[in-house]
Amino acid sequence: MKTVPTALPADIRDDEDFDAGVEAIDRGQRARLIRRTRTQLGLSQTEFAKRFCVPVGTLRDWEQARATAPDFAVAYVRVIGQHPDIVAKIVA
C-alpha cells in the first residue's frame, strides 16, 4: 500500500475531515486560482469556457478540484487574468 505524506492533518474534532497530501493541496490551490480568475472577470463557467476555448467540463473539473489543472493551463489562466481581452481576441 502506497503511503502519501500528510501536508495538512485532519482536524481531530471533525469526524468528516481527512488528511491532505501535497498533491491535494496543490490541486486545491490551482482550482482556487482558476475559479478566482473567472469570477473576477464576471464570467460564468460556460462563458469563460467559450471565450477562452476551454472545454466547459474540463473547466468544471479543474475548479472543483476533481482533476488537477496541468502547468500549461495554470499559465494560460494567469495570462487570461492579466490580459483577458487580448487573449480572447487571439483565440477567436
N, C-alpha and C. Protein backbone atom coordinates (compact mmCIF):
# COMPACT_ATOMS: atom_id res chain seq x y z
N MET A 1 0.84 -1.19 0.00
CA MET A 1 0.00 0.00 0.00
C MET A 1 0.88 1.24 0.00
N LYS A 2 0.57 2.16 -0.87
CA LYS A 2 1.34 3.40 -1.00
C LYS A 2 0.90 4.40 0.07
N THR A 3 1.85 4.98 0.75
CA THR A 3 1.56 5.98 1.77
C THR A 3 1.88 7.36 1.24
N VAL A 4 0.90 8.26 1.33
CA VAL A 4 1.09 9.63 0.88
C VAL A 4 1.42 10.49 2.09
N PRO A 5 2.53 11.25 2.02
CA PRO A 5 2.86 12.10 3.16
C PRO A 5 1.77 13.13 3.42
N THR A 6 1.48 13.36 4.68
CA THR A 6 0.46 14.32 5.05
C THR A 6 1.05 15.72 5.09
N ALA A 7 0.42 16.64 4.36
CA ALA A 7 0.85 18.03 4.37
C ALA A 7 -0.02 18.84 5.33
N LEU A 8 -1.26 18.40 5.47
CA LEU A 8 -2.21 19.09 6.35
C LEU A 8 -3.04 18.01 7.05
N PRO A 9 -2.79 17.79 8.35
CA PRO A 9 -3.52 16.74 9.05
C PRO A 9 -5.00 17.10 9.24
N ALA A 10 -5.81 16.07 9.34
CA ALA A 10 -7.24 16.26 9.58
C ALA A 10 -7.46 16.90 10.94
N ASP A 11 -8.55 17.65 11.04
CA ASP A 11 -8.97 18.24 12.31
C ASP A 11 -9.58 17.12 13.15
N ILE A 12 -8.97 16.80 14.26
CA ILE A 12 -9.44 15.67 15.08
C ILE A 12 -10.83 15.91 15.67
N ARG A 13 -11.27 17.16 15.66
CA ARG A 13 -12.62 17.48 16.17
C ARG A 13 -13.70 17.31 15.11
N ASP A 14 -13.29 17.02 13.89
CA ASP A 14 -14.24 16.89 12.78
C ASP A 14 -14.15 15.48 12.22
N ASP A 15 -15.19 14.68 12.46
CA ASP A 15 -15.20 13.28 12.02
C ASP A 15 -15.18 13.13 10.50
N GLU A 16 -15.58 14.17 9.78
CA GLU A 16 -15.63 14.08 8.32
C GLU A 16 -14.39 14.66 7.64
N ASP A 17 -13.49 15.25 8.42
CA ASP A 17 -12.27 15.83 7.85
C ASP A 17 -11.28 14.71 7.55
N PHE A 18 -10.30 14.99 6.73
CA PHE A 18 -9.31 13.99 6.36
C PHE A 18 -7.96 14.65 6.14
N ASP A 19 -6.91 13.83 6.23
CA ASP A 19 -5.57 14.34 5.95
C ASP A 19 -5.49 14.74 4.48
N ALA A 20 -4.71 15.76 4.22
CA ALA A 20 -4.50 16.19 2.84
C ALA A 20 -3.01 16.09 2.51
N GLY A 21 -2.73 15.49 1.38
CA GLY A 21 -1.36 15.40 0.91
C GLY A 21 -0.98 16.62 0.10
N VAL A 22 0.28 16.70 -0.27
CA VAL A 22 0.80 17.82 -1.05
C VAL A 22 0.05 17.94 -2.38
N GLU A 23 -0.22 16.81 -3.02
CA GLU A 23 -0.92 16.84 -4.31
C GLU A 23 -2.33 17.42 -4.17
N ALA A 24 -3.02 17.06 -3.11
CA ALA A 24 -4.38 17.56 -2.89
C ALA A 24 -4.37 19.06 -2.64
N ILE A 25 -3.40 19.52 -1.89
CA ILE A 25 -3.31 20.96 -1.62
C ILE A 25 -2.97 21.72 -2.90
N ASP A 26 -2.06 21.18 -3.70
CA ASP A 26 -1.71 21.81 -4.98
C ASP A 26 -2.92 21.87 -5.89
N ARG A 27 -3.67 20.77 -5.97
CA ARG A 27 -4.87 20.73 -6.81
C ARG A 27 -5.88 21.78 -6.34
N GLY A 28 -6.04 21.92 -5.03
CA GLY A 28 -6.96 22.92 -4.48
C GLY A 28 -6.53 24.35 -4.77
N GLN A 29 -5.23 24.60 -4.69
CA GLN A 29 -4.73 25.95 -4.98
C GLN A 29 -4.91 26.30 -6.44
N ARG A 30 -4.69 25.34 -7.31
CA ARG A 30 -4.89 25.57 -8.74
C ARG A 30 -6.37 25.83 -9.02
N ALA A 31 -7.23 25.05 -8.37
CA ALA A 31 -8.68 25.24 -8.53
C ALA A 31 -9.09 26.63 -8.10
N ARG A 32 -8.57 27.08 -6.98
CA ARG A 32 -8.90 28.40 -6.46
C ARG A 32 -8.46 29.50 -7.42
N LEU A 33 -7.25 29.39 -7.98
CA LEU A 33 -6.74 30.37 -8.93
C LEU A 33 -7.66 30.47 -10.15
N ILE A 34 -8.05 29.33 -10.68
CA ILE A 34 -8.88 29.31 -11.89
C ILE A 34 -10.26 29.91 -11.59
N ARG A 35 -10.87 29.47 -10.50
CA ARG A 35 -12.20 29.98 -10.14
C ARG A 35 -12.15 31.48 -9.84
N ARG A 36 -11.12 31.91 -9.12
CA ARG A 36 -10.99 33.34 -8.79
C ARG A 36 -10.81 34.18 -10.05
N THR A 37 -10.00 33.71 -10.97
CA THR A 37 -9.77 34.44 -12.22
C THR A 37 -11.08 34.59 -12.99
N ARG A 38 -11.81 33.49 -13.11
CA ARG A 38 -13.09 33.53 -13.83
C ARG A 38 -14.09 34.47 -13.17
N THR A 39 -14.22 34.37 -11.86
CA THR A 39 -15.21 35.21 -11.17
C THR A 39 -14.80 36.69 -11.18
N GLN A 40 -13.51 36.98 -11.14
CA GLN A 40 -13.08 38.37 -11.22
C GLN A 40 -13.40 38.97 -12.58
N LEU A 41 -13.47 38.13 -13.59
CA LEU A 41 -13.86 38.60 -14.92
C LEU A 41 -15.37 38.69 -15.07
N GLY A 42 -16.09 38.20 -14.07
CA GLY A 42 -17.54 38.27 -14.10
C GLY A 42 -18.17 37.30 -15.08
N LEU A 43 -17.50 36.18 -15.34
CA LEU A 43 -17.98 35.22 -16.32
C LEU A 43 -18.47 33.94 -15.65
N SER A 44 -19.51 33.35 -16.22
CA SER A 44 -19.94 32.03 -15.78
C SER A 44 -18.93 31.01 -16.32
N GLN A 45 -19.04 29.79 -15.85
CA GLN A 45 -18.14 28.75 -16.38
C GLN A 45 -18.34 28.59 -17.88
N THR A 46 -19.58 28.60 -18.31
CA THR A 46 -19.88 28.43 -19.74
C THR A 46 -19.31 29.59 -20.56
N GLU A 47 -19.49 30.81 -20.08
CA GLU A 47 -18.98 31.98 -20.79
C GLU A 47 -17.45 31.97 -20.86
N PHE A 48 -16.80 31.66 -19.74
CA PHE A 48 -15.34 31.61 -19.69
C PHE A 48 -14.83 30.54 -20.66
N ALA A 49 -15.44 29.36 -20.58
CA ALA A 49 -15.01 28.25 -21.44
C ALA A 49 -15.12 28.61 -22.91
N LYS A 50 -16.24 29.21 -23.29
CA LYS A 50 -16.44 29.57 -24.69
C LYS A 50 -15.48 30.67 -25.12
N ARG A 51 -15.33 31.69 -24.28
CA ARG A 51 -14.48 32.83 -24.63
C ARG A 51 -13.01 32.45 -24.79
N PHE A 52 -12.54 31.51 -23.95
CA PHE A 52 -11.11 31.18 -23.95
C PHE A 52 -10.81 29.77 -24.45
N CYS A 53 -11.80 29.15 -25.15
CA CYS A 53 -11.61 27.86 -25.81
C CYS A 53 -11.13 26.75 -24.87
N VAL A 54 -11.81 26.64 -23.75
CA VAL A 54 -11.54 25.57 -22.79
C VAL A 54 -12.82 24.74 -22.70
N PRO A 55 -12.75 23.42 -22.81
CA PRO A 55 -13.96 22.62 -22.66
C PRO A 55 -14.60 22.88 -21.29
N VAL A 56 -15.89 23.14 -21.27
CA VAL A 56 -16.57 23.52 -20.03
C VAL A 56 -16.46 22.40 -18.98
N GLY A 57 -16.53 21.17 -19.40
CA GLY A 57 -16.39 20.05 -18.45
C GLY A 57 -15.02 20.01 -17.81
N THR A 58 -14.01 20.31 -18.60
CA THR A 58 -12.65 20.37 -18.07
C THR A 58 -12.51 21.50 -17.06
N LEU A 59 -13.05 22.67 -17.42
CA LEU A 59 -13.02 23.81 -16.51
C LEU A 59 -13.71 23.47 -15.20
N ARG A 60 -14.86 22.84 -15.25
CA ARG A 60 -15.58 22.45 -14.03
C ARG A 60 -14.75 21.50 -13.19
N ASP A 61 -14.14 20.51 -13.84
CA ASP A 61 -13.30 19.56 -13.10
C ASP A 61 -12.14 20.26 -12.42
N TRP A 62 -11.51 21.20 -13.11
CA TRP A 62 -10.40 21.94 -12.51
C TRP A 62 -10.88 22.78 -11.34
N GLU A 63 -11.98 23.52 -11.53
CA GLU A 63 -12.47 24.40 -10.48
C GLU A 63 -12.95 23.64 -9.25
N GLN A 64 -13.47 22.46 -9.44
CA GLN A 64 -13.96 21.66 -8.33
C GLN A 64 -12.89 20.71 -7.80
N ALA A 65 -11.68 20.84 -8.30
CA ALA A 65 -10.52 20.05 -7.89
C ALA A 65 -10.75 18.54 -8.07
N ARG A 66 -11.59 18.19 -9.03
CA ARG A 66 -11.75 16.77 -9.37
C ARG A 66 -10.58 16.30 -10.23
N ALA A 67 -9.98 17.24 -10.93
CA ALA A 67 -8.80 16.97 -11.75
C ALA A 67 -7.81 18.10 -11.50
N THR A 68 -6.54 17.79 -11.60
CA THR A 68 -5.50 18.79 -11.41
C THR A 68 -5.23 19.49 -12.74
N ALA A 69 -5.39 20.80 -12.75
CA ALA A 69 -5.08 21.57 -13.97
C ALA A 69 -3.58 21.46 -14.23
N PRO A 70 -3.19 21.09 -15.45
CA PRO A 70 -1.76 20.99 -15.76
C PRO A 70 -1.09 22.35 -15.74
N ASP A 71 0.23 22.34 -15.66
CA ASP A 71 1.00 23.58 -15.57
C ASP A 71 0.69 24.55 -16.70
N PHE A 72 0.54 24.03 -17.94
CA PHE A 72 0.27 24.94 -19.06
C PHE A 72 -1.07 25.64 -18.87
N ALA A 73 -2.06 24.95 -18.30
CA ALA A 73 -3.38 25.55 -18.09
C ALA A 73 -3.32 26.64 -17.02
N VAL A 74 -2.55 26.40 -15.99
CA VAL A 74 -2.38 27.41 -14.93
C VAL A 74 -1.72 28.65 -15.53
N ALA A 75 -0.70 28.45 -16.35
CA ALA A 75 -0.02 29.58 -17.00
C ALA A 75 -1.00 30.33 -17.91
N TYR A 76 -1.82 29.59 -18.66
CA TYR A 76 -2.81 30.20 -19.55
C TYR A 76 -3.81 31.04 -18.75
N VAL A 77 -4.28 30.51 -17.65
CA VAL A 77 -5.24 31.24 -16.81
C VAL A 77 -4.59 32.49 -16.23
N ARG A 78 -3.33 32.41 -15.87
CA ARG A 78 -2.64 33.61 -15.35
C ARG A 78 -2.55 34.70 -16.43
N VAL A 79 -2.28 34.30 -17.65
CA VAL A 79 -2.23 35.27 -18.75
C VAL A 79 -3.63 35.84 -19.00
N ILE A 80 -4.64 34.98 -18.96
CA ILE A 80 -6.01 35.46 -19.11
C ILE A 80 -6.33 36.50 -18.04
N GLY A 81 -5.91 36.23 -16.81
CA GLY A 81 -6.17 37.16 -15.72
C GLY A 81 -5.53 38.52 -15.93
N GLN A 82 -4.38 38.55 -16.58
CA GLN A 82 -3.67 39.80 -16.83
C GLN A 82 -4.16 40.52 -18.08
N HIS A 83 -4.51 39.75 -19.12
CA HIS A 83 -4.85 40.33 -20.43
C HIS A 83 -6.06 39.62 -21.06
N PRO A 84 -7.21 39.65 -20.42
CA PRO A 84 -8.34 38.87 -20.92
C PRO A 84 -8.80 39.27 -22.33
N ASP A 85 -8.80 40.54 -22.63
CA ASP A 85 -9.27 40.98 -23.94
C ASP A 85 -8.32 40.56 -25.06
N ILE A 86 -7.04 40.68 -24.80
CA ILE A 86 -6.04 40.27 -25.81
C ILE A 86 -6.14 38.77 -26.07
N VAL A 87 -6.23 37.97 -24.99
CA VAL A 87 -6.31 36.52 -25.16
C VAL A 87 -7.59 36.16 -25.92
N ALA A 88 -8.71 36.76 -25.56
CA ALA A 88 -9.97 36.45 -26.24
C ALA A 88 -9.88 36.79 -27.72
N LYS A 89 -9.20 37.88 -28.04
CA LYS A 89 -9.06 38.30 -29.45
C LYS A 89 -8.18 37.30 -30.21
N ILE A 90 -7.13 36.82 -29.55
CA ILE A 90 -6.20 35.91 -30.20
C ILE A 90 -6.83 34.55 -30.46
N VAL A 91 -7.63 34.04 -29.52
CA VAL A 91 -8.20 32.70 -29.68
C VAL A 91 -9.49 32.69 -30.49
N ALA A 92 -10.00 33.87 -30.79
CA ALA A 92 -11.27 33.94 -31.54
C ALA A 92 -11.09 33.56 -32.99
